[in-house]
Amino acid sequence: MDKITLSINGNAVSVAPGTSILSAAQQAGVNIPTLCHHPDQEIKANCRICVVEVKGYVNLLPACATLVSEGMEVKTTTARVLEARRTILELILARHPQDCLHCMRNGNCELQNLTSAYDLRQTAFSKEPRRLPADFSSPAIVRDPNKCILCGRCTEVCSTTQTVHALGMAYRGYDALVVPSLGQDLLASPCVMCGQCIHACPVGAIGEREQIGELLTALADPQKIVVTQIAPSVRLAIAEEWGRESGSLPMEQLVAGIRNIGFDYVLNTNFTADLTVMEESRELLERITTGGTLPMFTSCCPAWIRFAEIFFPQLLGHISSCKSPQQMFGALVKTYWAEKTGIDPAQIYSVAIMPCTAKKYEALRPEMKDSDYPDVDLVLTTRELGRLFHMTGVNPFNLEGSDFDSWMSEYSGAGVLFGASGGVAEAALRTVCQAATGQELPPLDFQELRGMQGVKTAELNLNGDIIKVAAVHSLSNARELAEAVKAGESPYHFIEVMACPGGCIGGGGQAFTSSNQLRACRIGELYNEEKGRILRNAHDNNEVKHLYEDYLHNSDESAVHELLHTHYSPQPKVL
């Protein structure tokens, strides 16, 4: 295909037809500022920060929405362009709270960065900030409409990527606002708490419900034994909090850093990821062999569970009854682990460090307290952990590594795979093959289930029967498969669903640098880690075997089911 040649600031640039001026400039190493633009979203051209001069045009043009043409001459840094950008920024700041010092996005805010870059120390416009109440109704997400700059990024990810439509634009002009459905609070909307709106927001208008203060109170309480579990995706993104590459912090140093903060015990969620594989594989085989409800959906993503409860209540019987690894872990910490260590479960304060905002909601679900105590007392996101490190002055990169504590920390490569879309299905299929054939097989790599495609499929020959599997990420893709199941048109036996793009590595609680390109890098790091594990199958995990032999098989069957399994209920839908 012939390329188009244009000039940007006097330099010749050749790009493919259909390229925007913004993209052409980026390819040429020229920075054009943006606010409403997001690399994973459609072009909106709302903010106009990206305006440039183009020869032959009277008005300045938005670089994000203007396609290049042969011979086009673009200027990005003329006095007129710079003045226009400064004026736009001043107008935005006139309605924006000046509370950067105690905003959760301080130091990591796109508006703040542009204000600094354009040296805006004072503005010519009188300040008229909104004075609307913040929305604290959700257990996972907090909205501050006063900080909203109307870029439209949150509404697009909610309506297009997730098809939830919990957020929308109301009113027009000066009165325009982003609001939850029907103007209600966020909890009353169909919000599934996936947190993708937080990633989309360039400022501090949406964020996770911080629980750092609650954690510090627990750490300071001498009557509490604070036990934490770490999900595999956290390690892949936490290094980005220091501006370093994904996955560059070894797990041993992350463990050491968490110990230095003051946690009493540090354990590994991968252990119960392996346990989830065992339980889920057994349930899938049972459904296949006994004519149970198929296809079976995975249950480890709480945003997907809430999505199903709201939009597809008739499909709840298709969802696995297994608790997520987080909740299995919490239940076992206050029973099995407490018994092993001789610690009173009433003293245990169970903390989960997760890449996910919806995990905060999951921990508070009334079904998740079958051990007489909440399975999990508190959930921190990756971002909160980063803030906690900075707050306490602990830099894990400067520490010698430390191992996880014993009893619930051994894991296989299968557990690691839970961080990526397709990983849960791949891990389960490895164990299904072993259980169905009764043979010890080498680890099976299902390449068809790997990558960033929205819908991935694979087939497995199981004793002559063809088992069809699908793995989807983003709820728009999940909706398509759920509609097919609802209509009786799905060919699949097993469907893995992760609400966030790329899976947990792109969770709503991960570092703010998330984009599809970066998510793909994190997935690559995850598969490298999995490949390096000596044990790669969940059923080869010796600690999981001991758990079954020493505890679960000796316990009442109904009690075991309560510890490791749960149920779901239809939730009201706001139209």
Protein backbone atom coordinates (compact mmCIF):
# COMPACT_ATOMS: atom_id res chain seq x y z
CA MET A 1 0.00 0.00 0.00
CA ASP A 2 1.37 3.42 -0.96
CA LYS A 3 2.15 5.69 1.95
CA ILE A 4 1.13 9.30 2.38
CA THR A 5 3.87 11.85 2.93
CA LEU A 6 3.21 15.02 4.89
CA SER A 7 5.33 17.45 6.85
CA ILE A 8 5.10 17.99 10.59
CA ASN A 9 6.97 21.06 11.81
CA GLY A 10 8.93 21.05 8.56
CA ASN A 11 9.97 17.40 8.74
CA ALA A 12 8.76 14.85 6.19
CA VAL A 13 6.74 11.96 7.62
CA SER A 14 5.37 8.96 5.67
CA VAL A 15 2.43 7.04 7.09
CA ALA A 16 -0.33 4.71 5.92
CA PRO A 17 -3.55 6.15 4.46
CA GLY A 18 -6.25 6.63 7.09
CA THR A 19 -3.76 7.75 9.73
CA SER A 20 -4.71 10.69 11.93
CA ILE A 21 -2.41 13.66 12.40
CA LEU A 22 -2.06 12.63 16.04
CA SER A 23 -0.93 9.13 15.14
CA ALA A 24 1.43 10.44 12.45
CA ALA A 25 3.00 12.82 14.95
CA GLN A 26 3.44 10.03 17.48
CA GLN A 27 5.14 7.88 14.85
CA ALA A 28 7.48 10.80 14.11
CA GLY A 29 8.28 11.30 17.80
CA VAL A 30 6.33 14.56 18.04
CA ASN A 31 4.22 14.94 21.17
CA ILE A 32 0.74 16.42 20.78
CA PRO A 33 -1.15 16.71 24.09
CA THR A 34 -4.50 14.99 24.55
CA LEU A 35 -7.15 14.56 27.24
CA CYS A 36 -10.21 12.93 25.68
CA HIS A 37 -8.16 10.68 23.40
CA HIS A 38 -7.43 7.13 24.55
CA PRO A 39 -5.49 4.60 22.44
CA ASP A 40 -8.07 1.85 23.07
CA GLN A 41 -11.16 3.97 22.34
CA GLU A 42 -12.96 5.62 19.45
CA ILE A 43 -12.07 9.19 18.52
CA LYS A 44 -14.17 11.77 20.36
CA ALA A 45 -12.48 15.15 19.73
CA ASN A 46 -14.20 16.58 22.82
CA CYS A 47 -11.38 18.41 24.56
CA ARG A 48 -9.64 20.13 21.61
CA ILE A 49 -6.31 20.15 23.47
CA CYS A 50 -4.74 18.45 20.45
CA VAL A 51 -5.42 21.31 18.01
CA VAL A 52 -2.81 22.00 15.32
CA GLU A 53 -2.36 24.36 12.40
CA VAL A 54 -2.77 22.90 8.92
CA LYS A 55 -1.82 24.96 5.89
CA GLY A 56 -4.87 25.97 3.89
CA TYR A 57 -7.31 25.83 6.82
CA VAL A 58 -8.50 28.95 8.63
CA ASN A 59 -9.39 27.18 11.87
CA LEU A 60 -7.19 25.01 14.04
CA LEU A 61 -7.94 21.31 13.58
CA PRO A 62 -8.11 18.51 16.17
CA ALA A 63 -5.16 16.21 15.47
CA CYS A 64 -6.98 13.15 16.83
CA ALA A 65 -9.88 13.46 14.38
CA THR A 66 -8.17 14.81 11.25
CA LEU A 67 -6.79 12.33 8.73
CA VAL A 68 -3.54 13.04 6.92
CA SER A 69 -3.43 13.78 3.19
CA GLU A 70 -0.64 13.89 0.64
CA GLY A 71 1.45 17.04 0.97
CA MET A 72 -0.31 18.21 4.14
CA GLU A 73 1.72 20.74 6.14
CA VAL A 74 1.15 20.58 9.90
CA LYS A 75 2.46 22.89 12.60
CA THR A 76 2.11 21.75 16.22
CA THR A 77 3.96 24.45 18.18
CA THR A 78 3.08 27.84 16.69
CA ALA A 79 2.18 30.70 19.02
CA ARG A 80 -1.44 30.41 17.94
CA VAL A 81 -1.56 26.68 18.73
CA LEU A 82 0.11 27.08 22.10
CA GLU A 83 -2.18 29.95 23.08
CA ALA A 84 -5.26 27.95 22.10
CA ARG A 85 -4.15 24.98 24.20
CA ARG A 86 -3.40 27.22 27.18
CA THR A 87 -6.83 28.86 26.89
CA ILE A 88 -8.57 25.46 26.76
CA LEU A 89 -6.64 24.33 29.82
CA GLU A 90 -7.54 27.54 31.67
CA LEU A 91 -11.23 27.02 30.91
CA ILE A 92 -11.07 23.43 32.20
CA LEU A 93 -9.24 24.55 35.34
CA ALA A 94 -11.83 27.27 36.00
CA ARG A 95 -14.35 24.50 36.77
CA HIS A 96 -11.90 22.09 38.36
CA PRO A 97 -11.20 21.86 42.12
CA GLN A 98 -7.74 23.06 43.09
CA ASP A 99 -7.13 20.22 45.56
CA CYS A 100 -4.28 18.43 43.82
CA LEU A 101 -2.27 17.95 47.02
CA HIS A 102 -4.79 15.53 48.50
CA CYS A 103 -6.24 14.06 45.30
CA MET A 104 -5.55 10.35 44.72
CA ARG A 105 -4.27 11.20 41.24
CA ASN A 106 -1.72 13.74 42.48
CA GLY A 107 1.47 13.14 40.53
CA ASN A 108 -0.32 10.84 38.09
CA CYS A 109 -2.96 13.11 36.58
CA GLU A 110 -3.11 13.95 32.89
CA LEU A 111 -4.61 17.39 33.53
CA GLN A 112 -2.02 18.18 36.19
CA ASN A 113 0.77 17.10 33.85
CA LEU A 114 -0.50 19.35 31.05
CA THR A 115 -0.93 22.27 33.44
CA SER A 116 2.70 21.87 34.45
CA ALA A 117 3.90 21.38 30.87
CA TYR A 118 2.19 24.60 29.74
CA ASP A 119 3.40 26.51 32.81
CA LEU A 120 -0.08 27.57 33.89
CA ARG A 121 0.60 29.24 37.22
CA GLN A 122 -2.49 31.45 37.08
CA THR A 123 -5.56 31.76 34.88
CA ALA A 124 -7.46 34.68 33.39
CA PHE A 125 -10.87 33.17 34.14
CA SER A 126 -12.77 33.35 37.41
CA LYS A 127 -13.10 30.00 39.13
CA GLU A 128 -16.57 28.45 39.17
CA PRO A 129 -16.04 24.89 40.42
CA ARG A 130 -19.02 22.60 40.83
CA ARG A 131 -20.08 21.87 44.38
CA LEU A 132 -21.77 18.50 44.02
CA PRO A 133 -21.68 15.69 46.59
CA ALA A 134 -19.26 12.85 45.97
CA ASP A 135 -20.78 9.40 45.50
CA PHE A 136 -19.58 6.94 48.15
CA SER A 137 -22.45 4.48 47.70
CA SER A 138 -20.38 1.74 46.03
CA PRO A 139 -18.16 -0.54 48.13
CA ALA A 140 -15.56 -0.48 45.34
CA ILE A 141 -15.67 2.81 43.42
CA VAL A 142 -15.94 6.47 44.44
CA ARG A 143 -17.12 9.24 42.09
CA ASP A 144 -16.35 12.93 42.50
CA PRO A 145 -18.34 14.73 39.78
CA ASN A 146 -16.65 18.02 40.66
CA LYS A 147 -13.41 16.77 39.12
CA CYS A 148 -14.98 15.50 35.89
CA ILE A 149 -13.70 17.23 32.72
CA LEU A 150 -16.38 15.70 30.44
CA CYS A 151 -13.85 13.87 28.26
CA GLY A 152 -16.28 10.97 27.74
CA ARG A 153 -13.70 8.25 28.28
CA CYS A 154 -15.49 6.62 31.23
CA THR A 155 -18.87 6.56 29.50
CA GLU A 156 -17.36 4.98 26.40
CA VAL A 157 -15.56 2.17 28.21
CA CYS A 158 -18.69 1.47 30.27
CA SER A 159 -21.08 1.42 27.32
CA THR A 160 -18.87 0.05 24.53
CA THR A 161 -16.17 -2.15 26.07
CA GLN A 162 -18.36 -3.42 28.91
CA THR A 163 -21.93 -2.83 27.59
CA VAL A 164 -23.02 -2.08 31.15
CA HIS A 165 -24.23 1.51 30.56
CA ALA A 166 -23.90 2.43 34.22
CA LEU A 167 -22.59 5.89 33.29
CA GLY A 168 -23.94 8.37 30.79
CA MET A 169 -23.92 12.05 29.89
CA ALA A 170 -26.77 14.19 31.20
CA TYR A 171 -27.80 17.78 30.39
CA ARG A 172 -25.99 19.97 27.89
CA GLY A 173 -23.46 22.75 27.62
CA TYR A 174 -22.41 24.37 30.88
CA ASP A 175 -24.67 22.02 32.88
CA ALA A 176 -23.39 18.79 31.32
CA LEU A 177 -22.55 16.01 33.77
CA VAL A 178 -21.54 12.36 33.76
CA VAL A 179 -24.07 10.54 35.94
CA PRO A 180 -25.05 6.95 36.79
CA SER A 181 -28.19 5.48 35.23
CA LEU A 182 -31.32 7.60 35.81
CA GLY A 183 -29.28 10.00 37.94
CA GLN A 184 -29.15 7.58 40.85
CA ASP A 185 -26.08 6.79 42.93
CA LEU A 186 -23.57 4.29 41.59
CA LEU A 187 -24.69 1.39 43.78
CA ALA A 188 -28.25 1.66 42.46
CA SER A 189 -27.00 1.58 38.87
CA PRO A 190 -26.05 -1.60 36.97
CA CYS A 191 -22.37 -0.89 37.72
CA VAL A 192 -20.44 -4.17 38.02
CA MET A 193 -17.50 -2.45 39.77
CA CYS A 194 -14.94 -3.65 37.22
CA GLY A 195 -13.08 -0.34 37.57
CA GLN A 196 -12.37 0.16 33.87
CA CYS A 197 -13.85 3.65 34.21
CA ILE A 198 -11.05 4.43 36.68
CA HIS A 199 -8.43 3.48 34.10
CA ALA A 200 -10.23 5.54 31.47
CA CYS A 201 -10.50 8.69 33.61
CA PRO A 202 -7.59 11.12 33.01
CA VAL A 203 -8.16 12.89 36.33
CA GLY A 204 -9.42 12.05 39.82
CA ALA A 205 -13.15 12.01 39.07
CA ILE A 206 -13.37 8.24 39.59
CA GLY A 207 -11.23 6.07 41.84
CA GLU A 208 -11.25 2.99 43.98
CA ARG A 209 -12.64 3.15 47.50
CA GLU A 210 -9.41 3.47 49.44
CA GLN A 211 -8.94 1.27 52.51
CA ILE A 212 -5.38 2.14 53.45
CA GLY A 213 -6.55 3.83 56.66
CA GLU A 214 -8.47 0.72 57.74
CA LEU A 215 -5.41 -1.41 57.06
CA LEU A 216 -3.09 0.84 59.08
CA THR A 217 -5.51 0.62 62.00
CA ALA A 218 -5.44 -3.18 61.81
CA LEU A 219 -1.64 -3.27 61.55
CA ALA A 220 -1.39 -1.13 64.69
CA ASP A 221 -3.76 -3.36 66.69
CA PRO A 222 -1.73 -5.78 68.86
CA GLN A 223 -4.75 -8.09 69.11
CA LYS A 224 -4.86 -8.67 65.35
CA ILE A 225 -2.76 -11.06 63.29
CA VAL A 226 -2.71 -9.51 59.82
CA VAL A 227 -2.40 -12.11 57.08
CA THR A 228 -2.23 -11.16 53.43
CA GLN A 229 -2.51 -12.98 50.13
CA ILE A 230 -1.03 -11.66 46.87
CA ALA A 231 -2.53 -12.30 43.44
CA PRO A 232 -0.10 -13.08 40.57
CA SER A 233 -1.08 -10.05 38.48
CA VAL A 234 -0.06 -7.63 41.24
CA ARG A 235 3.64 -8.36 40.81
CA LEU A 236 3.43 -7.71 37.09
CA ALA A 237 2.09 -4.16 37.52
CA ILE A 238 3.45 -2.93 40.85
CA ALA A 239 6.84 -2.03 39.33
CA GLU A 240 5.05 0.55 37.18
CA GLU A 241 4.34 2.52 40.37
CA TRP A 242 8.07 3.37 40.31
CA GLY A 243 8.11 4.00 36.56
CA ARG A 244 9.77 0.66 35.87
CA GLU A 245 8.94 -2.06 33.36
CA SER A 246 6.12 -4.53 33.98
CA GLY A 247 7.27 -7.62 35.84
CA SER A 248 10.68 -6.18 36.76
CA LEU A 249 10.14 -6.63 40.52
CA PRO A 250 10.88 -10.23 41.61
CA MET A 251 8.17 -11.78 43.77
CA GLU A 252 10.66 -12.35 46.62
CA GLN A 253 11.37 -8.62 46.84
CA LEU A 254 7.66 -7.82 46.73
CA VAL A 255 7.11 -10.23 49.63
CA ALA A 256 9.97 -8.57 51.54
CA GLY A 257 8.46 -5.14 50.94
CA ILE A 258 5.06 -6.24 52.24
CA ARG A 259 6.69 -7.71 55.35
CA ASN A 260 8.48 -4.40 55.94
CA ILE A 261 5.14 -2.58 55.95
CA GLY A 262 4.17 -4.68 58.97
CA PHE A 263 2.12 -7.65 57.80
CA ASP A 264 2.50 -10.67 60.08
CA TYR A 265 2.16 -13.35 57.40
CA VAL A 266 2.48 -13.16 53.61
CA LEU A 267 0.87 -15.97 51.59
CA ASN A 268 0.19 -16.64 47.91
CA THR A 269 -3.20 -16.55 46.18
CA ASN A 270 -1.77 -18.90 43.55
CA PHE A 271 -2.22 -21.70 46.09
CA THR A 272 -5.99 -21.37 45.95
CA ALA A 273 -5.86 -20.72 42.22
CA ASP A 274 -4.58 -24.30 42.01
CA LEU A 275 -7.32 -25.37 44.42
CA THR A 276 -9.92 -23.61 42.28
CA VAL A 277 -8.64 -25.54 39.26
CA MET A 278 -9.14 -28.80 41.15
CA GLU A 279 -12.68 -27.95 42.24
CA GLU A 280 -13.71 -26.41 38.94
CA SER A 281 -12.32 -29.32 36.90
CA ARG A 282 -14.20 -31.81 39.05
CA GLU A 283 -17.41 -29.81 38.64
CA LEU A 284 -16.97 -29.55 34.86
CA LEU A 285 -16.33 -33.28 34.47
CA GLU A 286 -19.33 -34.05 36.65
CA ARG A 287 -21.59 -31.84 34.53
CA ILE A 288 -20.30 -33.40 31.31
CA THR A 289 -20.62 -37.02 32.47
CA THR A 290 -23.96 -36.71 34.28
CA GLY A 291 -25.81 -34.48 31.84
CA GLY A 292 -25.57 -31.41 34.05
CA THR A 293 -26.15 -27.81 32.99
CA LEU A 294 -23.82 -26.82 30.15
CA PRO A 295 -21.99 -24.77 29.16
CA MET A 296 -20.39 -24.08 32.51
CA PHE A 297 -19.13 -20.54 33.03
CA THR A 298 -16.17 -19.78 35.29
CA SER A 299 -16.85 -17.92 38.54
CA CYS A 300 -13.55 -16.33 39.61
CA CYS A 301 -14.34 -12.83 38.27
CA PRO A 302 -16.73 -10.92 40.60
CA ALA A 303 -17.50 -8.25 37.99
CA TRP A 304 -18.66 -10.99 35.61
CA ILE A 305 -20.75 -12.56 38.38
CA ARG A 306 -22.51 -9.26 39.09
CA PHE A 307 -22.97 -8.73 35.34
CA ALA A 308 -24.65 -12.13 35.07
CA GLU A 309 -26.81 -11.52 38.14
CA ILE A 310 -28.06 -8.22 36.69
CA PHE A 311 -28.32 -8.93 32.95
CA PHE A 312 -28.56 -12.73 32.67
CA PRO A 313 -30.21 -14.08 35.86
CA GLN A 314 -31.61 -17.02 33.88
CA LEU A 315 -28.03 -18.24 33.30
CA LEU A 316 -26.92 -18.39 36.95
CA GLY A 317 -27.28 -22.16 36.94
CA HIS A 318 -24.61 -22.28 34.23
CA ILE A 319 -22.02 -20.63 36.48
CA SER A 320 -19.62 -22.77 38.48
CA SER A 321 -20.38 -22.85 42.19
CA CYS A 322 -16.67 -22.49 43.03
CA LYS A 323 -15.66 -19.46 45.02
CA SER A 324 -12.90 -17.35 43.53
CA PRO A 325 -9.30 -18.03 44.63
CA GLN A 326 -9.48 -14.91 46.83
CA GLN A 327 -12.51 -16.16 48.71
CA MET A 328 -11.37 -19.78 48.97
CA PHE A 329 -8.15 -18.45 50.42
CA GLY A 330 -9.93 -16.28 52.95
CA ALA A 331 -12.16 -19.14 54.08
CA LEU A 332 -9.21 -21.51 54.50
CA VAL A 333 -7.02 -18.97 56.31
CA LYS A 334 -9.60 -18.77 59.10
CA THR A 335 -10.09 -22.54 59.28
CA TYR A 336 -7.37 -24.81 57.89
CA TRP A 337 -4.47 -22.35 58.20
CA ALA A 338 -5.59 -21.16 61.64
CA GLU A 339 -5.66 -24.78 62.81
CA LYS A 340 -2.21 -25.47 61.35
CA THR A 341 -0.64 -22.41 62.97
CA GLY A 342 -2.58 -22.55 66.22
CA ILE A 343 -3.87 -19.00 65.78
CA ASP A 344 -7.34 -18.06 66.98
CA PRO A 345 -9.37 -17.25 63.84
CA ALA A 346 -11.03 -14.41 65.74
CA GLN A 347 -7.64 -12.67 65.77
CA ILE A 348 -6.95 -13.12 62.07
CA TYR A 349 -7.40 -10.05 59.89
CA SER A 350 -7.38 -11.31 56.32
CA VAL A 351 -6.18 -8.92 53.61
CA ALA A 352 -6.18 -9.61 49.87
CA ILE A 353 -3.92 -7.62 47.54
CA MET A 354 -5.59 -7.74 44.15
CA PRO A 355 -5.48 -6.18 40.66
CA CYS A 356 -9.24 -5.73 40.87
CA THR A 357 -11.71 -3.20 42.30
CA ALA A 358 -14.65 -5.64 42.12
CA LYS A 359 -12.83 -7.85 44.65
CA LYS A 360 -13.69 -5.21 47.28
CA TYR A 361 -17.36 -5.81 46.50
CA GLU A 362 -16.90 -9.59 46.42
CA ALA A 363 -15.36 -9.64 49.90
CA LEU A 364 -18.47 -7.93 51.29
CA ARG A 365 -21.02 -10.26 49.69
CA PRO A 366 -23.16 -11.86 52.42
CA GLU A 367 -22.46 -15.36 51.03
CA MET A 368 -18.74 -14.94 51.72
CA LYS A 369 -18.62 -15.64 55.46
CA ASP A 370 -19.17 -19.36 55.79
CA SER A 371 -16.40 -19.86 58.37
CA ASP A 372 -18.37 -17.75 60.93
CA TYR A 373 -16.11 -14.83 60.01
CA PRO A 374 -15.83 -12.83 56.78
CA ASP A 375 -13.64 -14.83 54.43
CA VAL A 376 -11.71 -11.65 53.60
CA ASP A 377 -11.71 -8.56 55.80
CA LEU A 378 -10.16 -6.04 53.43
CA VAL A 379 -9.02 -5.79 49.81
CA LEU A 380 -6.23 -3.53 48.55
CA THR A 381 -5.70 -2.80 44.87
CA THR A 382 -2.27 -2.75 43.25
CA ARG A 383 -2.45 1.04 43.23
CA GLU A 384 -3.23 1.17 46.95
CA LEU A 385 -0.26 -1.09 47.62
CA GLY A 386 1.91 1.32 45.64
CA ARG A 387 0.64 4.26 47.73
CA LEU A 388 1.24 2.25 50.89
CA PHE A 389 4.84 1.61 49.88
CA HIS A 390 5.42 5.31 49.21
CA MET A 391 3.62 6.32 52.42
CA THR A 392 5.74 4.02 54.59
CA GLY A 393 8.99 4.73 52.77
CA VAL A 394 9.43 1.08 51.80
CA ASN A 395 11.01 0.47 48.39
CA PRO A 396 10.97 -3.27 47.66
CA PHE A 397 13.55 -2.81 44.89
CA ASN A 398 16.10 -2.01 47.62
CA LEU A 399 15.36 -5.08 49.77
CA GLU A 400 16.70 -8.61 49.89
CA GLY A 401 14.12 -11.16 48.84
CA SER A 402 11.94 -13.07 51.28
CA ASP A 403 9.97 -16.30 50.83
CA PHE A 404 6.25 -16.69 51.39
CA ASP A 405 5.14 -18.15 54.71
CA SER A 406 4.28 -21.84 54.82
CA TRP A 407 1.11 -23.95 54.51
CA MET A 408 -0.68 -22.01 51.78
CA SER A 409 1.94 -20.72 49.37
CA GLU A 410 3.08 -23.54 47.07
CA TYR A 411 1.77 -23.14 43.55
CA SER A 412 2.05 -24.44 40.02
CA GLY A 413 2.25 -22.69 36.68
CA ALA A 414 -1.47 -23.33 36.33
CA GLY A 415 -2.12 -20.95 39.22
CA VAL A 416 0.00 -18.27 37.57
CA LEU A 417 -2.13 -18.50 34.42
CA PHE A 418 -5.15 -17.12 36.31
CA GLY A 419 -3.83 -13.62 35.64
CA ALA A 420 -4.43 -13.76 31.88
CA SER A 421 -7.52 -14.17 29.75
CA GLY A 422 -7.66 -17.83 28.74
CA GLY A 423 -5.46 -18.87 31.65
CA VAL A 424 -8.20 -20.26 33.86
CA ALA A 425 -9.56 -22.38 31.02
CA GLU A 426 -6.08 -23.63 30.10
CA ALA A 427 -5.28 -24.52 33.71
CA ALA A 428 -8.60 -26.35 34.10
CA LEU A 429 -8.21 -28.30 30.85
CA ARG A 430 -4.82 -29.63 31.95
CA THR A 431 -6.40 -31.12 35.06
CA VAL A 432 -9.55 -32.27 33.24
CA CYS A 433 -7.34 -34.27 30.84
CA GLN A 434 -5.49 -35.94 33.71
CA ALA A 435 -8.67 -36.71 35.65
CA ALA A 436 -10.54 -38.08 32.63
CA THR A 437 -7.72 -40.27 31.32
CA GLY A 438 -6.21 -41.29 34.65
CA GLN A 439 -2.79 -40.79 33.10
CA GLU A 440 0.02 -38.45 34.05
CA LEU A 441 0.35 -36.21 31.02
CA PRO A 442 2.96 -33.55 30.26
CA PRO A 443 1.70 -29.97 30.71
CA LEU A 444 -0.55 -29.04 27.83
CA ASP A 445 -0.11 -25.59 26.31
CA PHE A 446 -3.34 -24.39 24.71
CA GLN A 447 -1.95 -21.68 22.43
CA GLU A 448 -5.44 -21.11 21.01
CA LEU A 449 -6.52 -19.73 24.39
CA ARG A 450 -3.66 -17.23 24.64
CA GLY A 451 -3.42 -13.66 23.41
CA MET A 452 -5.50 -10.49 23.34
CA GLN A 453 -8.27 -11.64 21.01
CA GLY A 454 -11.65 -10.85 22.52
CA VAL A 455 -12.97 -14.38 22.00
CA LYS A 456 -10.64 -17.39 21.90
CA THR A 457 -11.75 -20.98 21.31
CA ALA A 458 -10.22 -24.43 21.59
CA GLU A 459 -11.28 -28.06 21.29
CA LEU A 460 -10.20 -31.02 23.40
CA ASN A 461 -10.61 -34.69 22.52
CA LEU A 462 -11.61 -36.31 25.79
CA ASN A 463 -11.85 -40.07 25.41
CA GLY A 464 -13.41 -39.66 21.99
CA ASP A 465 -15.72 -36.80 22.94
CA ILE A 466 -14.95 -33.32 21.59
CA ILE A 467 -15.08 -30.73 24.37
CA LYS A 468 -15.43 -27.17 23.09
CA VAL A 469 -14.05 -24.31 25.15
CA ALA A 470 -14.19 -20.52 24.85
CA ALA A 471 -12.39 -17.76 26.75
CA VAL A 472 -13.56 -14.16 26.55
CA HIS A 473 -12.43 -10.90 28.08
CA SER A 474 -14.35 -7.61 28.27
CA LEU A 475 -18.03 -7.82 29.08
CA SER A 476 -19.12 -6.84 25.56
CA ASN A 477 -17.68 -10.17 24.39
CA ALA A 478 -19.16 -11.96 27.40
CA ARG A 479 -22.57 -10.54 26.52
CA GLU A 480 -22.39 -12.02 23.01
CA LEU A 481 -21.64 -15.51 24.33
CA ALA A 482 -24.22 -15.20 27.10
CA GLU A 483 -26.88 -14.20 24.56
CA ALA A 484 -25.99 -17.29 22.51
CA VAL A 485 -26.31 -19.53 25.58
CA LYS A 486 -29.61 -17.88 26.47
CA ALA A 487 -30.89 -18.59 22.94
CA GLY A 488 -29.70 -22.21 23.10
CA GLU A 489 -27.22 -21.59 20.29
CA SER A 490 -23.90 -22.01 22.09
CA PRO A 491 -21.71 -24.95 20.99
CA TYR A 492 -19.45 -24.73 24.04
CA HIS A 493 -19.10 -26.93 27.11
CA PHE A 494 -16.90 -24.56 29.13
CA ILE A 495 -16.65 -20.76 28.95
CA GLU A 496 -14.14 -18.66 30.84
CA VAL A 497 -15.11 -15.03 31.39
CA MET A 498 -12.92 -12.19 32.62
CA ALA A 499 -14.51 -8.75 32.73
CA CYS A 500 -11.37 -6.70 32.21
CA PRO A 501 -9.45 -6.37 28.94
CA GLY A 502 -6.69 -8.97 28.89
CA GLY A 503 -7.94 -10.52 32.13
CA CYS A 504 -6.76 -9.75 35.65
CA ILE A 505 -3.51 -8.26 34.35
CA GLY A 506 -5.72 -5.42 33.06
CA GLY A 507 -7.85 -5.24 36.21
CA GLY A 508 -9.47 -2.05 37.42
CA GLY A 509 -7.06 -1.86 40.36
CA GLN A 510 -3.86 -2.04 38.33
CA ALA A 511 -1.41 0.82 37.69
CA PHE A 512 -2.82 3.79 35.78
CA THR A 513 -0.48 3.11 32.85
CA SER A 514 -2.75 0.33 31.54
CA SER A 515 -3.39 0.10 27.79
CA ASN A 516 -3.92 -2.88 25.52
CA GLN A 517 -0.30 -2.69 24.42
CA LEU A 518 0.91 -2.77 28.02
CA ARG A 519 -1.57 -5.51 28.92
CA ALA A 520 -0.08 -7.66 26.16
CA CYS A 521 3.39 -7.09 27.67
CA ARG A 522 2.14 -8.15 31.10
CA ILE A 523 0.61 -11.29 29.61
CA GLY A 524 3.94 -12.14 28.01
CA GLU A 525 5.70 -11.78 31.36
CA LEU A 526 3.09 -13.99 32.99
CA TYR A 527 3.55 -16.81 30.47
CA ASN A 528 7.33 -16.55 30.90
CA GLU A 529 6.87 -17.03 34.65
CA GLU A 530 4.53 -19.97 34.10
CA LYS A 531 6.95 -21.66 31.72
CA GLY A 532 9.69 -21.46 34.35
CA ARG A 533 7.75 -23.26 37.07
CA ILE A 534 8.88 -26.80 37.90
CA LEU A 535 5.26 -27.73 38.61
CA ARG A 536 2.91 -26.61 35.84
CA ASN A 537 -0.25 -28.57 36.65
CA ALA A 538 -2.54 -27.74 39.57
CA HIS A 539 -3.00 -31.43 40.41
CA ASP A 540 0.76 -31.73 41.01
CA ASN A 541 0.71 -29.16 43.84
CA ASN A 542 1.75 -31.13 46.95
CA GLU A 543 0.31 -28.59 49.40
CA VAL A 544 -3.07 -28.84 47.67
CA LYS A 545 -2.85 -32.64 47.86
CA HIS A 546 -2.11 -32.42 51.58
CA LEU A 547 -5.03 -30.03 52.05
CA TYR A 548 -7.39 -32.63 50.57
CA GLU A 549 -5.83 -35.55 52.44
CA ASP A 550 -5.36 -33.92 55.84
CA TYR A 551 -8.33 -31.59 56.04
CA LEU A 552 -10.97 -31.57 53.33
CA HIS A 553 -11.42 -35.35 53.03
CA ASN A 554 -11.66 -35.61 56.82
CA SER A 555 -14.30 -32.91 57.08
CA ASP A 556 -18.05 -33.04 56.62
CA GLU A 557 -18.87 -32.83 52.91
CA SER A 558 -21.39 -30.04 53.37
CA ALA A 559 -18.89 -28.05 55.44
CA VAL A 560 -16.29 -28.39 52.69
CA HIS A 561 -18.83 -27.24 50.13
CA GLU A 562 -19.59 -24.18 52.23
CA LEU A 563 -15.89 -23.34 52.49
CA LEU A 564 -15.06 -23.64 48.80
CA HIS A 565 -18.38 -23.08 47.02
CA THR A 566 -21.16 -20.50 46.97
CA HIS A 567 -24.32 -19.48 45.13
CA TYR A 568 -25.57 -16.45 43.21
CA SER A 569 -28.83 -14.52 43.13
CA PRO A 570 -30.53 -12.27 40.57
CA GLN A 571 -29.92 -8.56 41.17
CA PRO A 572 -32.30 -5.72 40.26
CA LYS A 573 -31.64 -4.17 36.88
CA VAL A 574 -31.88 -0.43 36.32
CA LEU A 575 -33.22 0.19 32.81
